[in-house]
C-alpha atoms as a PDB file:
ATOM      1  CA  MET A   1       0.025   0.018  -0.040  1.00  0.00           C
ATOM      2  CA  GLY A   2       2.852   2.399   1.021  1.00  0.00           C
ATOM      3  CA  GLU A   3       4.878   1.129  -1.903  1.00  0.00           C
ATOM      4  CA  GLN A   4       6.607   3.735  -3.992  1.00  0.00           C
ATOM      5  CA  VAL A   5       6.580   4.131  -7.791  1.00  0.00           C
ATOM      6  CA  ALA A   6       9.790   3.800  -9.623  1.00  0.00           C
ATOM      7  CA  SER A   7      11.237   7.129 -10.426  1.00  0.00           C
ATOM      8  CA  PRO A   8      11.006   8.196 -14.120  1.00  0.00           C
ATOM      9  CA  CYS A   9      14.439   9.676 -14.062  1.00  0.00           C
ATOM     10  CA  ARG A  10      16.416   8.706 -17.067  1.00  0.00           C
ATOM     11  CA  ARG A  11      19.707  10.178 -15.970  1.00  0.00           C
ATOM     12  CA  GLN A  12      19.508  12.714 -18.796  1.00  0.00           C
ATOM     13  CA  CYS A  13      18.949  15.746 -16.517  1.00  0.00           C
ATOM     14  CA  CYS A  14      18.716  19.169 -18.139  1.00  0.00           C
ATOM     15  CA  LEU A  15      16.127  21.649 -17.399  1.00  0.00           C
ATOM     16  CA  ASP A  16      14.584  23.828 -20.220  1.00  0.00           C
ATOM     17  CA  ASP A  17      13.475  27.478 -19.867  1.00  0.00           C
ATOM     18  CA  HIS A  18      10.320  26.333 -18.046  1.00  0.00           C
ATOM     19  CA  ASP A  19      12.111  24.257 -15.467  1.00  0.00           C
ATOM     20  CA  ILE A  20      10.966  21.002 -17.046  1.00  0.00           C
ATOM     21  CA  CYS A  21      13.535  18.107 -17.367  1.00  0.00           C
ATOM     22  CA  LEU A  22      14.308  17.204 -20.991  1.00  0.00           C
ATOM     23  CA  GLY A  23      15.035  13.655 -19.960  1.00  0.00           C
ATOM     24  CA  CYS A  24      11.976  12.588 -17.884  1.00  0.00           C
ATOM     25  CA  GLY A  25       9.505  15.396 -18.450  1.00  0.00           C
ATOM     26  CA  ARG A  26       9.153  16.285 -14.619  1.00  0.00           C
ATOM     27  CA  THR A  27       8.973  19.766 -13.542  1.00  0.00           C
ATOM     28  CA  LEU A  28      11.676  20.999 -11.114  1.00  0.00           C
ATOM     29  CA  GLN A  29       8.955  21.036  -8.357  1.00  0.00           C
ATOM     30  CA  ASP A  30       8.082  17.428  -9.262  1.00  0.00           C
ATOM     31  CA  ILE A  31      11.712  16.412  -8.953  1.00  0.00           C
ATOM     32  CA  LEU A  32      12.048  18.144  -5.527  1.00  0.00           C
ATOM     33  CA  ASP A  33       8.688  16.563  -4.234  1.00  0.00           C
ATOM     34  CA  TRP A  34       9.359  12.987  -5.515  1.00  0.00           C
ATOM     35  CA  SER A  35      10.924  11.484  -2.437  1.00  0.00           C
ATOM     36  CA  LYS A  36       8.238  12.741  -0.042  1.00  0.00           C
ATOM     37  CA  ALA A  37       5.332  12.165  -2.389  1.00  0.00           C
ATOM     38  CA  ASP A  38       2.850   9.240  -1.720  1.00  0.00           C
ATOM     39  CA  ARG A  39       2.098   6.616  -4.272  1.00  0.00           C
ATOM     40  CA  LEU A  40      -0.920   8.491  -5.754  1.00  0.00           C
ATOM     41  CA  ARG A  41       1.090  11.731  -6.192  1.00  0.00           C
ATOM     42  CA  GLN A  42       3.995   9.820  -7.735  1.00  0.00           C
ATOM     43  CA  CYS A  43       1.628   8.309 -10.223  1.00  0.00           C
ATOM     44  CA  ALA A  44       0.273  11.586 -11.068  1.00  0.00           C
ATOM     45  CA  ILE A  45       3.728  13.166 -11.560  1.00  0.00           C
ATOM     46  CA  CYS A  46       4.669  10.230 -13.879  1.00  0.00           C
ATOM     47  CA  ALA A  47       1.447  10.674 -15.872  1.00  0.00           C
ATOM     48  CA  ALA A  48       1.992  14.456 -16.279  1.00  0.00           C
ATOM     49  CA  ALA A  49       5.666  13.934 -17.212  1.00  0.00           C
ATOM     50  CA  GLU A  50       4.662  11.459 -19.866  1.00  0.00           C
ATOM     51  CA  VAL A  51       2.219  13.999 -21.379  1.00  0.00           C
ATOM     52  CA  ARG A  52       4.906  16.623 -21.344  1.00  0.00           C
ATOM     53  CA  LEU A  53       7.445  14.266 -23.110  1.00  0.00           C
ATOM     54  CA  GLN A  54       4.832  13.250 -25.749  1.00  0.00           C
ATOM     55  CA  GLN A  55       4.000  16.968 -26.421  1.00  0.00           C
ATOM     56  CA  ARG A  56       7.671  17.721 -26.820  1.00  0.00           C
ATOM     57  CA  SER A  57       8.137  14.848 -29.373  1.00  0.00           C
ATOM     58  CA  ASP A  58       4.979  15.964 -31.240  1.00  0.00           C
ATOM     59  CA  ASN A  59       6.326  19.521 -31.468  1.00  0.00           C
ATOM     60  CA  PRO A  60      10.116  19.315 -31.895  1.00  0.00           C
END
């Protein structure tokens, strides 16, 4: 129940002008919050990050 979600970090850390990681799609705040976030929040962070990465690849 308290099990954590695997971090989406891809070890390609570089923030863009909007403080979004080019490697995993998380915002800087998401990255900072990750270790103290519960499972539900971690799932939400992963889902939002995936959307950001998809948007980036759709609009290179």
